[in-house]
C-alpha atoms as a PDB file:
ATOM      1  CA  MET A   1      90.285 158.175  76.020  1.00  0.00           C
ATOM      2  CA  TRP A   2      90.474 160.740  79.087  1.00  0.00           C
ATOM      3  CA  LEU A   3      87.048 162.508  78.941  1.00  0.00           C
ATOM      4  CA  PRO A   4      85.630 159.493  80.386  1.00  0.00           C
ATOM      5  CA  ILE A   5      87.863 158.815  83.189  1.00  0.00           C
ATOM      6  CA  LEU A   6      87.548 162.812  83.134  1.00  0.00           C
ATOM      7  CA  GLY A   7      83.797 162.329  83.860  1.00  0.00           C
ATOM      8  CA  LEU A   8      83.567 159.771  85.887  1.00  0.00           C
ATOM      9  CA  ILE A   9      86.771 161.418  88.514  1.00  0.00           C
ATOM     10  CA  LEU A  10      84.682 165.044  88.563  1.00  0.00           C
ATOM     11  CA  GLY A  11      81.754 163.442  89.353  1.00  0.00           C
ATOM     12  CA  LEU A  12      83.268 161.128  92.027  1.00  0.00           C
ATOM     13  CA  VAL A  13      84.507 164.353  93.670  1.00  0.00           C
ATOM     14  CA  ILE A  14      81.469 166.487  93.284  1.00  0.00           C
ATOM     15  CA  GLY A  15      79.493 163.875  95.013  1.00  0.00           C
ATOM     16  CA  TRP A  16      81.701 162.840  97.962  1.00  0.00           C
ATOM     17  CA  PHE A  17      81.595 167.019  98.569  1.00  0.00           C
ATOM     18  CA  SER A  18      78.517 168.096  98.081  1.00  0.00           C
ATOM     19  CA  PRO A  19      75.641 168.193 101.070  1.00  0.00           C
ATOM     20  CA  PHE A  20      72.968 166.861  98.738  1.00  0.00           C
ATOM     21  CA  SER A  21      71.092 163.926  99.813  1.00  0.00           C
ATOM     22  CA  VAL A  22      68.417 161.597  97.309  1.00  0.00           C
ATOM     23  CA  PRO A  23      65.305 160.789  99.053  1.00  0.00           C
ATOM     24  CA  VAL A  24      64.565 156.730  99.433  1.00  0.00           C
ATOM     25  CA  GLU A  25      62.051 156.772  96.991  1.00  0.00           C
ATOM     26  CA  TYR A  26      63.882 157.760  94.488  1.00  0.00           C
ATOM     27  CA  SER A  27      67.258 155.387  95.293  1.00  0.00           C
ATOM     28  CA  LYS A  28      66.109 152.768  92.548  1.00  0.00           C
ATOM     29  CA  TYR A  29      65.881 155.875  90.256  1.00  0.00           C
ATOM     30  CA  LEU A  30      69.361 156.538  91.483  1.00  0.00           C
ATOM     31  CA  SER A  31      71.021 153.399  91.270  1.00  0.00           C
ATOM     32  CA  VAL A  32      69.799 152.163  87.769  1.00  0.00           C
ATOM     33  CA  ALA A  33      70.614 155.856  86.621  1.00  0.00           C
ATOM     34  CA  ILE A  34      74.574 155.417  88.188  1.00  0.00           C
ATOM     35  CA  LEU A  35      74.817 151.551  86.845  1.00  0.00           C
ATOM     36  CA  ALA A  36      74.219 152.890  83.206  1.00  0.00           C
ATOM     37  CA  ALA A  37      76.427 155.724  83.556  1.00  0.00           C
ATOM     38  CA  LEU A  38      79.284 153.596  84.903  1.00  0.00           C
ATOM     39  CA  ASP A  39      78.360 150.925  81.613  1.00  0.00           C
ATOM     40  CA  SER A  40      78.716 154.694  79.357  1.00  0.00           C
ATOM     41  CA  VAL A  41      82.054 155.312  81.193  1.00  0.00           C
ATOM     42  CA  LEU A  42      83.531 151.922  80.476  1.00  0.00           C
ATOM     43  CA  GLY A  43      82.024 151.243  77.185  1.00  0.00           C
ATOM     44  CA  GLY A  44      83.901 154.814  75.930  1.00  0.00           C
ATOM     45  CA  ILE A  45      86.811 154.169  77.894  1.00  0.00           C
ATOM     46  CA  ARG A  46      86.923 150.599  75.728  1.00  0.00           C
ATOM     47  CA  ALA A  47      85.760 152.203  72.510  1.00  0.00           C
ATOM     48  CA  ALA A  48      88.835 154.548  73.288  1.00  0.00           C
ATOM     49  CA  GLN A  49      91.583 151.688  73.651  1.00  0.00           C
ATOM     50  CA  GLU A  50      89.866 149.960  69.988  1.00  0.00           C
ATOM     51  CA  ASN A  51      90.307 153.187  68.237  1.00  0.00           C
ATOM     52  CA  HIS A  52      87.374 154.165  67.703  1.00  0.00           C
ATOM     53  CA  PHE A  53      85.947 156.383  70.204  1.00  0.00           C
ATOM     54  CA  ASP A  54      83.028 158.849  69.067  1.00  0.00           C
ATOM     55  CA  SER A  55      81.875 161.743  71.939  1.00  0.00           C
ATOM     56  CA  VAL A  56      78.512 161.474  69.721  1.00  0.00           C
ATOM     57  CA  VAL A  57      77.906 158.393  70.289  1.00  0.00           C
ATOM     58  CA  PHE A  58      79.721 158.779  73.702  1.00  0.00           C
ATOM     59  CA  LEU A  59      77.413 161.172  74.774  1.00  0.00           C
ATOM     60  CA  SER A  60      74.276 160.040  73.044  1.00  0.00           C
ATOM     61  CA  GLY A  61      74.232 156.726  74.496  1.00  0.00           C
ATOM     62  CA  PHE A  62      75.331 158.085  77.883  1.00  0.00           C
ATOM     63  CA  PHE A  63      71.832 160.018  78.302  1.00  0.00           C
ATOM     64  CA  THR A  64      69.813 157.198  76.180  1.00  0.00           C
ATOM     65  CA  ASN A  65      71.048 154.425  79.101  1.00  0.00           C
ATOM     66  CA  ILE A  66      70.499 156.653  81.937  1.00  0.00           C
ATOM     67  CA  LEU A  67      66.882 157.532  80.634  1.00  0.00           C
ATOM     68  CA  LEU A  68      66.212 154.139  79.502  1.00  0.00           C
ATOM     69  CA  ALA A  69      67.060 152.842  83.130  1.00  0.00           C
ATOM     70  CA  GLY A  70      65.063 155.694  84.726  1.00  0.00           C
ATOM     71  CA  ILE A  71      61.950 154.507  82.933  1.00  0.00           C
ATOM     72  CA  LEU A  72      62.340 151.141  83.602  1.00  0.00           C
ATOM     73  CA  ALA A  73      62.382 151.649  87.070  1.00  0.00           C
ATOM     74  CA  TYR A  74      59.512 154.175  86.891  1.00  0.00           C
ATOM     75  CA  VAL A  75      57.318 151.787  84.837  1.00  0.00           C
ATOM     76  CA  GLY A  76      58.228 149.210  86.977  1.00  0.00           C
ATOM     77  CA  ASP A  77      56.927 150.837  90.250  1.00  0.00           C
ATOM     78  CA  ARG A  78      53.903 151.972  88.420  1.00  0.00           C
ATOM     79  CA  ILE A  79      52.766 148.674  87.728  1.00  0.00           C
ATOM     80  CA  GLY A  80      54.446 146.926  90.763  1.00  0.00           C
ATOM     81  CA  VAL A  81      56.834 144.852  89.071  1.00  0.00           C
ATOM     82  CA  ASP A  82      60.816 145.438  90.154  1.00  0.00           C
ATOM     83  CA  LEU A  83      61.651 145.991  86.463  1.00  0.00           C
ATOM     84  CA  PHE A  84      64.829 148.256  87.428  1.00  0.00           C
ATOM     85  CA  LEU A  85      66.341 144.678  87.956  1.00  0.00           C
ATOM     86  CA  ALA A  86      66.423 144.232  84.539  1.00  0.00           C
ATOM     87  CA  ALA A  87      68.605 147.296  84.128  1.00  0.00           C
ATOM     88  CA  VAL A  88      70.390 146.240  86.786  1.00  0.00           C
ATOM     89  CA  VAL A  89      71.054 143.202  85.411  1.00  0.00           C
ATOM     90  CA  ALA A  90      71.803 144.341  81.438  1.00  0.00           C
ATOM     91  CA  PHE A  91      73.895 146.758  83.037  1.00  0.00           C
ATOM     92  CA  GLY A  92      75.686 145.105  84.965  1.00  0.00           C
ATOM     93  CA  VAL A  93      76.733 141.612  83.031  1.00  0.00           C
ATOM     94  CA  ARG A  94      77.387 144.676  80.008  1.00  0.00           C
ATOM     95  CA  LEU A  95      79.679 146.838  82.683  1.00  0.00           C
ATOM     96  CA  PHE A  96      81.430 143.529  83.952  1.00  0.00           C
ATOM     97  CA  ASN A  97      81.961 142.503  80.053  1.00  0.00           C
ATOM     98  CA  ASN A  98      83.552 146.061  79.362  1.00  0.00           C
ATOM     99  CA  LEU A  99      85.641 145.918  82.539  1.00  0.00           C
ATOM    100  CA  ALA A 100      87.104 142.001  81.609  1.00  0.00           C
ATOM    101  CA  ILE A 101      87.595 143.906  77.814  1.00  0.00           C
ATOM    102  CA  ILE A 102      89.816 146.322  78.904  1.00  0.00           C
ATOM    103  CA  ARG A 103      91.898 144.638  81.433  1.00  0.00           C
ATOM    104  CA  ARG A 104      93.013 142.393  78.548  1.00  0.00           C
ATOM    105  CA  HIS A 105      93.235 145.563  76.522  1.00  0.00           C
ATOM    106  CA  LEU A 106      96.248 146.542  79.144  1.00  0.00           C
ATOM    107  CA  LEU A 107      97.520 143.657  79.926  1.00  0.00           C
ATOM    108  CA  GLN A 108      98.657 143.478  76.284  1.00  0.00           C
ATOM    109  CA  LYS A 109      99.646 146.724  76.001  1.00  0.00           C
ATOM    110  CA  ARG A 110     102.437 145.247  79.300  1.00  0.00           C
ATOM    111  CA  VAL A 111     102.942 142.713  76.934  1.00  0.00           C
ATOM    112  CA  HIS A 112     103.959 144.246  74.079  1.00  0.00           C
END
């Protein structure tokens, strides 16, 4: 369970202190990639709480989600449709669902 949390914290620290800035034209791609990454991290935390975390599944899902989100944003830009919004909605729903399940697991541990 600590691997996804450690990766999230490490990424946030590197991003916060890095002088790197992203050009505005890539902001759509980066936003959906970050959302996809957060979805994968929360999914990893959820899997760890349910005692079926697998690092291979986590890493493959992490990079596949980021790649899919980027492709949706790129194809949408090419055809003139905001397809990145589909990724935002899909990953947003999954993110909040995973967060709710994690919260329930934590509350159940406090009660028992």
